[in-house]
N, C-alpha and C. Protein backbone atom coordinates (compact mmCIF):
# COMPACT_ATOMS: atom_id res chain seq x y z
N MET A 1 -40.46 12.79 -84.79
CA MET A 1 -39.28 12.20 -84.22
C MET A 1 -39.06 12.82 -82.84
N LYS A 2 -38.60 11.98 -81.92
CA LYS A 2 -38.36 12.42 -80.55
C LYS A 2 -37.04 13.17 -80.49
N LYS A 3 -37.02 14.13 -79.60
CA LYS A 3 -35.81 14.89 -79.41
C LYS A 3 -34.77 14.00 -78.74
N GLY A 4 -33.53 14.05 -79.20
CA GLY A 4 -32.48 13.25 -78.62
C GLY A 4 -32.29 11.92 -79.32
N TYR A 5 -33.09 11.62 -80.35
CA TYR A 5 -32.94 10.36 -81.08
C TYR A 5 -32.61 10.67 -82.54
N VAL A 6 -31.94 9.75 -83.22
CA VAL A 6 -31.55 9.94 -84.62
C VAL A 6 -32.22 8.85 -85.45
N ASP A 7 -32.73 9.28 -86.58
CA ASP A 7 -33.32 8.30 -87.49
C ASP A 7 -32.24 7.87 -88.46
N LEU A 8 -31.87 6.61 -88.41
CA LEU A 8 -30.81 6.12 -89.28
C LEU A 8 -31.43 5.44 -90.50
N GLU A 9 -32.00 6.21 -91.32
CA GLU A 9 -32.59 5.79 -92.58
C GLU A 9 -33.54 4.61 -92.41
N GLY A 10 -34.54 4.87 -91.66
CA GLY A 10 -35.58 3.89 -91.49
C GLY A 10 -35.24 2.80 -90.50
N LYS A 11 -34.11 2.89 -89.92
CA LYS A 11 -33.75 1.91 -88.91
C LYS A 11 -34.23 2.41 -87.55
N THR A 12 -33.93 1.64 -86.54
CA THR A 12 -34.41 1.97 -85.20
C THR A 12 -33.84 3.28 -84.73
N LEU A 13 -34.58 3.94 -83.89
CA LEU A 13 -34.14 5.21 -83.32
C LEU A 13 -33.29 4.92 -82.06
N LEU A 14 -32.16 5.52 -82.01
CA LEU A 14 -31.26 5.32 -80.86
C LEU A 14 -31.02 6.67 -80.18
N PRO A 15 -30.77 6.64 -78.93
CA PRO A 15 -30.41 7.90 -78.25
C PRO A 15 -29.13 8.45 -78.84
N LEU A 16 -28.99 9.76 -78.82
CA LEU A 16 -27.84 10.41 -79.44
C LEU A 16 -26.53 10.02 -78.76
N TRP A 17 -26.56 9.88 -77.48
CA TRP A 17 -25.30 9.60 -76.77
C TRP A 17 -24.77 8.23 -77.11
N LYS A 18 -25.64 7.30 -77.59
CA LYS A 18 -25.14 5.99 -77.99
C LYS A 18 -24.51 6.05 -79.37
N ASN A 19 -24.86 7.03 -80.14
CA ASN A 19 -24.30 7.16 -81.49
C ASN A 19 -23.10 8.10 -81.51
N ASN A 20 -22.66 8.59 -80.36
CA ASN A 20 -21.54 9.51 -80.23
C ASN A 20 -21.74 10.79 -81.03
N VAL A 21 -22.94 11.16 -81.25
CA VAL A 21 -23.20 12.39 -81.99
C VAL A 21 -23.13 13.56 -81.03
N SER A 22 -23.94 13.54 -80.00
CA SER A 22 -23.87 14.54 -78.94
C SER A 22 -24.66 14.00 -77.76
N SER A 23 -24.39 14.50 -76.59
CA SER A 23 -25.04 14.02 -75.37
C SER A 23 -26.24 14.88 -75.07
N PRO A 24 -27.24 14.26 -74.48
CA PRO A 24 -28.37 15.08 -74.06
C PRO A 24 -27.92 16.02 -72.94
N PRO A 25 -28.52 17.19 -72.80
CA PRO A 25 -28.08 18.19 -71.82
C PRO A 25 -28.20 17.69 -70.38
N ASN A 26 -29.19 16.91 -70.06
CA ASN A 26 -29.35 16.41 -68.68
C ASN A 26 -28.19 15.50 -68.29
N LEU A 27 -27.72 14.73 -69.27
CA LEU A 27 -26.63 13.81 -69.00
C LEU A 27 -25.34 14.58 -68.71
N ASN A 28 -25.11 15.65 -69.47
CA ASN A 28 -23.91 16.47 -69.22
C ASN A 28 -23.96 17.07 -67.81
N ASN A 29 -25.13 17.54 -67.42
CA ASN A 29 -25.28 18.12 -66.09
C ASN A 29 -25.04 17.07 -65.01
N LYS A 30 -25.58 15.87 -65.23
CA LYS A 30 -25.41 14.81 -64.26
C LYS A 30 -23.94 14.42 -64.14
N ILE A 31 -23.27 14.31 -65.28
CA ILE A 31 -21.85 13.94 -65.27
C ILE A 31 -21.04 15.02 -64.57
N SER A 32 -21.32 16.26 -64.87
CA SER A 32 -20.58 17.36 -64.25
C SER A 32 -20.86 17.41 -62.75
N ASN A 33 -22.11 17.19 -62.34
CA ASN A 33 -22.45 17.16 -60.91
C ASN A 33 -21.75 15.99 -60.21
N GLU A 34 -21.75 14.84 -60.87
CA GLU A 34 -21.11 13.66 -60.27
C GLU A 34 -19.61 13.87 -60.16
N SER A 35 -18.99 14.49 -61.15
CA SER A 35 -17.55 14.72 -61.08
C SER A 35 -17.23 15.74 -59.97
N GLN A 36 -18.08 16.73 -59.79
CA GLN A 36 -17.89 17.68 -58.70
C GLN A 36 -18.03 16.98 -57.35
N ILE A 37 -19.04 16.12 -57.24
CA ILE A 37 -19.24 15.38 -55.99
C ILE A 37 -18.03 14.48 -55.70
N ILE A 38 -17.52 13.83 -56.75
CA ILE A 38 -16.35 12.96 -56.59
C ILE A 38 -15.13 13.79 -56.17
N GLN A 39 -14.95 14.97 -56.77
CA GLN A 39 -13.84 15.84 -56.39
C GLN A 39 -13.97 16.29 -54.94
N GLN A 40 -15.18 16.66 -54.53
CA GLN A 40 -15.41 17.06 -53.14
C GLN A 40 -15.12 15.90 -52.18
N GLN A 41 -15.59 14.71 -52.57
CA GLN A 41 -15.34 13.54 -51.74
C GLN A 41 -13.85 13.23 -51.65
N ASP A 42 -13.14 13.41 -52.75
CA ASP A 42 -11.69 13.20 -52.75
C ASP A 42 -11.01 14.20 -51.81
N GLN A 43 -11.45 15.46 -51.86
CA GLN A 43 -10.88 16.47 -50.98
C GLN A 43 -11.17 16.13 -49.51
N VAL A 44 -12.40 15.72 -49.22
CA VAL A 44 -12.77 15.36 -47.84
C VAL A 44 -11.95 14.15 -47.37
N LEU A 45 -11.82 13.16 -48.26
CA LEU A 45 -11.04 11.96 -47.90
C LEU A 45 -9.57 12.30 -47.70
N SER A 46 -9.05 13.19 -48.54
CA SER A 46 -7.66 13.62 -48.38
C SER A 46 -7.47 14.33 -47.05
N SER A 47 -8.40 15.22 -46.73
CA SER A 47 -8.35 15.93 -45.45
C SER A 47 -8.45 14.95 -44.28
N MET A 48 -9.38 14.02 -44.39
CA MET A 48 -9.55 13.02 -43.33
C MET A 48 -8.30 12.17 -43.19
N SER A 49 -7.68 11.84 -44.31
CA SER A 49 -6.46 11.04 -44.28
C SER A 49 -5.35 11.75 -43.53
N SER A 50 -5.17 13.05 -43.82
CA SER A 50 -4.12 13.81 -43.12
C SER A 50 -4.45 13.95 -41.64
N LYS A 51 -5.72 14.14 -41.30
CA LYS A 51 -6.12 14.24 -39.89
C LYS A 51 -5.90 12.91 -39.17
N LEU A 52 -6.20 11.81 -39.85
CA LEU A 52 -5.97 10.50 -39.25
C LEU A 52 -4.49 10.23 -39.04
N GLU A 53 -3.66 10.68 -39.96
CA GLU A 53 -2.22 10.53 -39.79
C GLU A 53 -1.75 11.33 -38.58
N ASP A 54 -2.29 12.57 -38.44
CA ASP A 54 -1.95 13.38 -37.27
C ASP A 54 -2.39 12.69 -35.98
N LEU A 55 -3.60 12.14 -36.01
CA LEU A 55 -4.10 11.42 -34.83
C LEU A 55 -3.25 10.21 -34.51
N GLN A 56 -2.76 9.53 -35.52
CA GLN A 56 -1.90 8.37 -35.31
C GLN A 56 -0.60 8.79 -34.61
N VAL A 57 -0.02 9.90 -35.06
CA VAL A 57 1.21 10.41 -34.44
C VAL A 57 0.94 10.78 -32.99
N ILE A 58 -0.18 11.45 -32.75
CA ILE A 58 -0.53 11.85 -31.38
C ILE A 58 -0.74 10.61 -30.52
N ALA A 59 -1.44 9.61 -31.04
CA ALA A 59 -1.68 8.38 -30.28
C ALA A 59 -0.38 7.66 -29.95
N LEU A 60 0.55 7.63 -30.89
CA LEU A 60 1.85 7.01 -30.63
C LEU A 60 2.62 7.77 -29.55
N ASN A 61 2.58 9.11 -29.61
CA ASN A 61 3.25 9.92 -28.58
C ASN A 61 2.62 9.70 -27.22
N VAL A 62 1.30 9.64 -27.17
CA VAL A 62 0.61 9.40 -25.89
C VAL A 62 0.98 8.02 -25.36
N GLY A 63 1.02 7.02 -26.24
CA GLY A 63 1.41 5.67 -25.82
C GLY A 63 2.82 5.63 -25.26
N ASN A 64 3.75 6.33 -25.93
CA ASN A 64 5.13 6.40 -25.43
C ASN A 64 5.21 7.08 -24.08
N GLU A 65 4.45 8.16 -23.91
CA GLU A 65 4.44 8.88 -22.64
C GLU A 65 3.85 8.01 -21.53
N ILE A 66 2.81 7.28 -21.84
CA ILE A 66 2.21 6.38 -20.85
C ILE A 66 3.21 5.30 -20.44
N ASP A 67 3.92 4.74 -21.40
CA ASP A 67 4.93 3.73 -21.08
C ASP A 67 6.02 4.31 -20.19
N SER A 68 6.45 5.52 -20.50
CA SER A 68 7.49 6.18 -19.71
C SER A 68 7.00 6.42 -18.28
N GLN A 69 5.78 6.93 -18.14
CA GLN A 69 5.23 7.19 -16.81
C GLN A 69 4.97 5.90 -16.06
N LYS A 70 4.63 4.84 -16.77
CA LYS A 70 4.42 3.55 -16.12
C LYS A 70 5.73 3.07 -15.49
N LYS A 71 6.84 3.22 -16.25
CA LYS A 71 8.14 2.84 -15.71
C LYS A 71 8.49 3.69 -14.49
N ASP A 72 8.23 5.00 -14.57
CA ASP A 72 8.50 5.88 -13.42
C ASP A 72 7.68 5.47 -12.22
N LEU A 73 6.41 5.17 -12.43
CA LEU A 73 5.55 4.75 -11.32
C LEU A 73 6.00 3.42 -10.72
N GLU A 74 6.48 2.52 -11.57
CA GLU A 74 6.99 1.25 -11.05
C GLU A 74 8.22 1.49 -10.19
N ASP A 75 9.10 2.42 -10.60
CA ASP A 75 10.28 2.76 -9.80
C ASP A 75 9.87 3.37 -8.46
N VAL A 76 8.92 4.28 -8.49
CA VAL A 76 8.45 4.91 -7.26
C VAL A 76 7.80 3.86 -6.35
N ASN A 77 7.01 2.97 -6.94
CA ASN A 77 6.37 1.91 -6.17
C ASN A 77 7.41 1.03 -5.50
N HIS A 78 8.47 0.69 -6.23
CA HIS A 78 9.54 -0.13 -5.65
C HIS A 78 10.22 0.61 -4.49
N ASP A 79 10.51 1.91 -4.70
CA ASP A 79 11.13 2.70 -3.63
C ASP A 79 10.24 2.79 -2.40
N VAL A 80 8.94 2.95 -2.62
CA VAL A 80 8.00 3.01 -1.49
C VAL A 80 7.96 1.67 -0.76
N ASP A 81 8.00 0.57 -1.51
CA ASP A 81 8.00 -0.75 -0.88
C ASP A 81 9.26 -0.95 -0.03
N VAL A 82 10.41 -0.54 -0.55
CA VAL A 82 11.67 -0.67 0.19
C VAL A 82 11.62 0.18 1.46
N THR A 83 11.15 1.42 1.31
CA THR A 83 11.07 2.32 2.47
C THR A 83 10.08 1.79 3.50
N ASN A 84 8.96 1.27 3.03
CA ASN A 84 7.95 0.70 3.94
C ASN A 84 8.55 -0.48 4.70
N SER A 85 9.29 -1.32 4.02
CA SER A 85 9.92 -2.48 4.66
C SER A 85 10.92 -2.03 5.72
N ARG A 86 11.73 -1.02 5.40
CA ARG A 86 12.70 -0.50 6.38
C ARG A 86 11.98 0.12 7.57
N LEU A 87 10.91 0.84 7.31
CA LEU A 87 10.15 1.47 8.39
C LEU A 87 9.55 0.42 9.32
N LYS A 88 9.01 -0.66 8.74
CA LYS A 88 8.46 -1.74 9.57
C LYS A 88 9.53 -2.36 10.45
N LYS A 89 10.73 -2.61 9.87
CA LYS A 89 11.82 -3.18 10.66
C LYS A 89 12.22 -2.24 11.80
N THR A 90 12.28 -0.95 11.49
CA THR A 90 12.65 0.04 12.52
C THR A 90 11.60 0.09 13.61
N MET A 91 10.33 0.06 13.22
CA MET A 91 9.25 0.09 14.23
C MET A 91 9.30 -1.15 15.12
N ILE A 92 9.62 -2.31 14.54
CA ILE A 92 9.75 -3.54 15.33
C ILE A 92 10.89 -3.39 16.33
N LYS A 93 12.01 -2.83 15.89
CA LYS A 93 13.15 -2.63 16.80
C LYS A 93 12.79 -1.66 17.92
N ILE A 94 12.10 -0.58 17.58
CA ILE A 94 11.71 0.40 18.60
C ILE A 94 10.75 -0.24 19.60
N ASP A 95 9.78 -1.01 19.11
CA ASP A 95 8.86 -1.70 20.02
C ASP A 95 9.60 -2.66 20.93
N ARG A 96 10.56 -3.37 20.36
CA ARG A 96 11.33 -4.32 21.16
C ARG A 96 12.09 -3.60 22.26
N VAL A 97 12.72 -2.46 21.93
CA VAL A 97 13.47 -1.71 22.93
C VAL A 97 12.53 -1.17 24.00
N LEU A 98 11.40 -0.65 23.59
CA LEU A 98 10.47 -0.06 24.56
C LEU A 98 9.84 -1.11 25.47
N HIS A 99 9.50 -2.25 24.92
CA HIS A 99 8.83 -3.26 25.72
C HIS A 99 9.80 -4.09 26.54
N ASP A 100 10.95 -4.41 26.00
CA ASP A 100 11.91 -5.25 26.73
C ASP A 100 12.58 -4.47 27.86
N ASP A 101 12.96 -3.26 27.61
CA ASP A 101 13.73 -2.48 28.58
C ASP A 101 12.89 -1.38 29.21
N SER A 102 11.60 -1.55 29.25
CA SER A 102 10.76 -0.47 29.76
C SER A 102 11.03 -0.21 31.24
N ASP A 103 11.27 -1.25 32.02
CA ASP A 103 11.55 -1.04 33.44
C ASP A 103 12.90 -0.36 33.63
N LYS A 104 13.90 -0.77 32.87
CA LYS A 104 15.22 -0.16 32.98
C LYS A 104 15.16 1.32 32.63
N ILE A 105 14.43 1.63 31.56
CA ILE A 105 14.32 3.02 31.13
C ILE A 105 13.58 3.84 32.18
N LYS A 106 12.53 3.28 32.75
CA LYS A 106 11.77 3.99 33.79
C LYS A 106 12.67 4.29 34.98
N TYR A 107 13.42 3.30 35.45
CA TYR A 107 14.29 3.50 36.61
C TYR A 107 15.41 4.48 36.31
N ALA A 108 15.93 4.46 35.11
CA ALA A 108 16.97 5.41 34.73
C ALA A 108 16.42 6.82 34.74
N CYS A 109 15.21 7.01 34.21
CA CYS A 109 14.59 8.35 34.21
C CYS A 109 14.33 8.82 35.64
N ILE A 110 13.84 7.91 36.49
CA ILE A 110 13.58 8.28 37.89
C ILE A 110 14.88 8.67 38.57
N GLY A 111 15.95 7.91 38.36
CA GLY A 111 17.25 8.23 38.97
C GLY A 111 17.77 9.58 38.52
N ILE A 112 17.66 9.88 37.25
CA ILE A 112 18.12 11.17 36.73
C ILE A 112 17.30 12.30 37.33
N LEU A 113 15.99 12.12 37.43
CA LEU A 113 15.14 13.16 38.02
C LEU A 113 15.47 13.38 39.49
N VAL A 114 15.76 12.31 40.25
CA VAL A 114 16.13 12.44 41.67
C VAL A 114 17.43 13.21 41.80
N LEU A 115 18.40 12.91 40.95
CA LEU A 115 19.67 13.66 41.00
C LEU A 115 19.45 15.13 40.69
N ILE A 116 18.62 15.42 39.72
CA ILE A 116 18.35 16.83 39.38
C ILE A 116 17.69 17.53 40.56
N ILE A 117 16.74 16.86 41.21
CA ILE A 117 16.07 17.47 42.37
C ILE A 117 17.07 17.71 43.49
N LEU A 118 17.98 16.75 43.74
CA LEU A 118 18.98 16.93 44.80
C LEU A 118 19.90 18.10 44.50
N VAL A 119 20.34 18.22 43.26
CA VAL A 119 21.21 19.34 42.87
C VAL A 119 20.46 20.66 43.06
N LEU A 120 19.20 20.71 42.67
CA LEU A 120 18.41 21.94 42.85
C LEU A 120 18.23 22.27 44.32
N LEU A 121 18.00 21.28 45.15
CA LEU A 121 17.87 21.52 46.60
C LEU A 121 19.16 22.07 47.19
N ILE A 122 20.28 21.51 46.78
CA ILE A 122 21.57 22.01 47.27
C ILE A 122 21.78 23.45 46.84
N ILE A 123 21.45 23.77 45.62
CA ILE A 123 21.59 25.14 45.13
C ILE A 123 20.68 26.07 45.92
N ILE A 124 19.46 25.64 46.17
CA ILE A 124 18.51 26.48 46.92
C ILE A 124 19.00 26.70 48.35
N ILE A 125 19.44 25.63 48.98
CA ILE A 125 19.91 25.77 50.38
C ILE A 125 21.15 26.64 50.43
N TYR A 126 22.10 26.46 49.55
CA TYR A 126 23.31 27.27 49.52
C TYR A 126 22.96 28.73 49.27
N GLY A 127 22.01 28.97 48.32
CA GLY A 127 21.60 30.34 48.03
C GLY A 127 20.91 30.98 49.23
N ALA A 128 20.09 30.20 49.92
CA ALA A 128 19.42 30.74 51.11
C ALA A 128 20.43 31.07 52.18
N CYS A 129 21.42 30.22 52.34
CA CYS A 129 22.45 30.49 53.33
C CYS A 129 23.25 31.73 52.96
N PHE A 130 23.49 31.95 51.71
CA PHE A 130 24.26 33.10 51.27
C PHE A 130 23.50 34.39 51.55
N PHE A 131 22.16 34.37 51.29
CA PHE A 131 21.38 35.57 51.53
C PHE A 131 21.15 35.82 53.02
N ILE A 132 21.03 34.76 53.79
CA ILE A 132 20.79 34.91 55.23
C ILE A 132 22.12 35.08 55.97
N LYS A 133 23.17 34.68 55.38
CA LYS A 133 24.52 34.75 55.91
C LYS A 133 24.65 33.91 57.17
N ILE A 134 24.24 32.70 57.04
CA ILE A 134 24.41 31.77 58.14
C ILE A 134 25.78 31.13 57.97
N ASP A 135 26.48 31.09 59.03
CA ASP A 135 27.81 30.51 58.99
C ASP A 135 27.72 29.12 59.60
N PHE A 136 28.00 28.14 58.78
CA PHE A 136 27.95 26.76 59.24
C PHE A 136 29.28 26.33 59.86
N SER A 137 30.23 27.24 59.88
CA SER A 137 31.51 26.88 60.46
C SER A 137 31.46 26.79 61.98
N HIS A 138 30.58 27.51 62.61
CA HIS A 138 30.40 27.43 64.06
C HIS A 138 29.51 26.26 64.37
N ARG A 139 29.98 25.50 65.25
CA ARG A 139 29.18 24.38 65.66
C ARG A 139 28.26 24.79 66.78
N LEU A 140 27.12 24.27 66.65
CA LEU A 140 26.19 24.52 67.75
C LEU A 140 26.63 23.65 68.92
N GLN A 141 26.64 24.23 70.02
CA GLN A 141 27.02 23.45 71.20
C GLN A 141 25.76 23.01 71.93
N SER A 142 25.84 21.80 72.20
CA SER A 142 24.71 21.22 72.90
C SER A 142 24.84 21.49 74.40
N PRO A 143 23.77 21.86 75.08
CA PRO A 143 23.85 22.12 76.51
C PRO A 143 24.14 20.84 77.29
N PHE A 144 24.00 19.73 76.67
CA PHE A 144 24.20 18.48 77.40
C PHE A 144 25.64 18.01 77.29
N LEU A 145 26.45 18.65 76.57
CA LEU A 145 27.82 18.19 76.45
C LEU A 145 28.72 18.78 77.45
């Protein structure tokens, strides 16, 4: 008779595990190994599940931060556009003033410079007279008079 089989009074031989008598030792080892593998897989899946939940929370936070920064950038972009528009208008006004009134401005600058030069000449002449002590109160008499 083969090991692991039962003779049921001249009937067919069946494996022991089918008759619920006892299991062959290899089967017990296989079942125990498979249950250990299943437990390990359950632990790995549980760990992966918690890590994925953490990643989901992080992804949601990153998405919220990106949305917030997008709004901030849109506000800054709008402010830059407004400032750029104002700057262009101001530059157009400055160009208009410089090109339209360029002759008037030039003549005004020349007139102011001439006045400054005249004032400086008067100061220099008066200072020279003070140091030389020339008296302009005496009139020079012309020999022809």
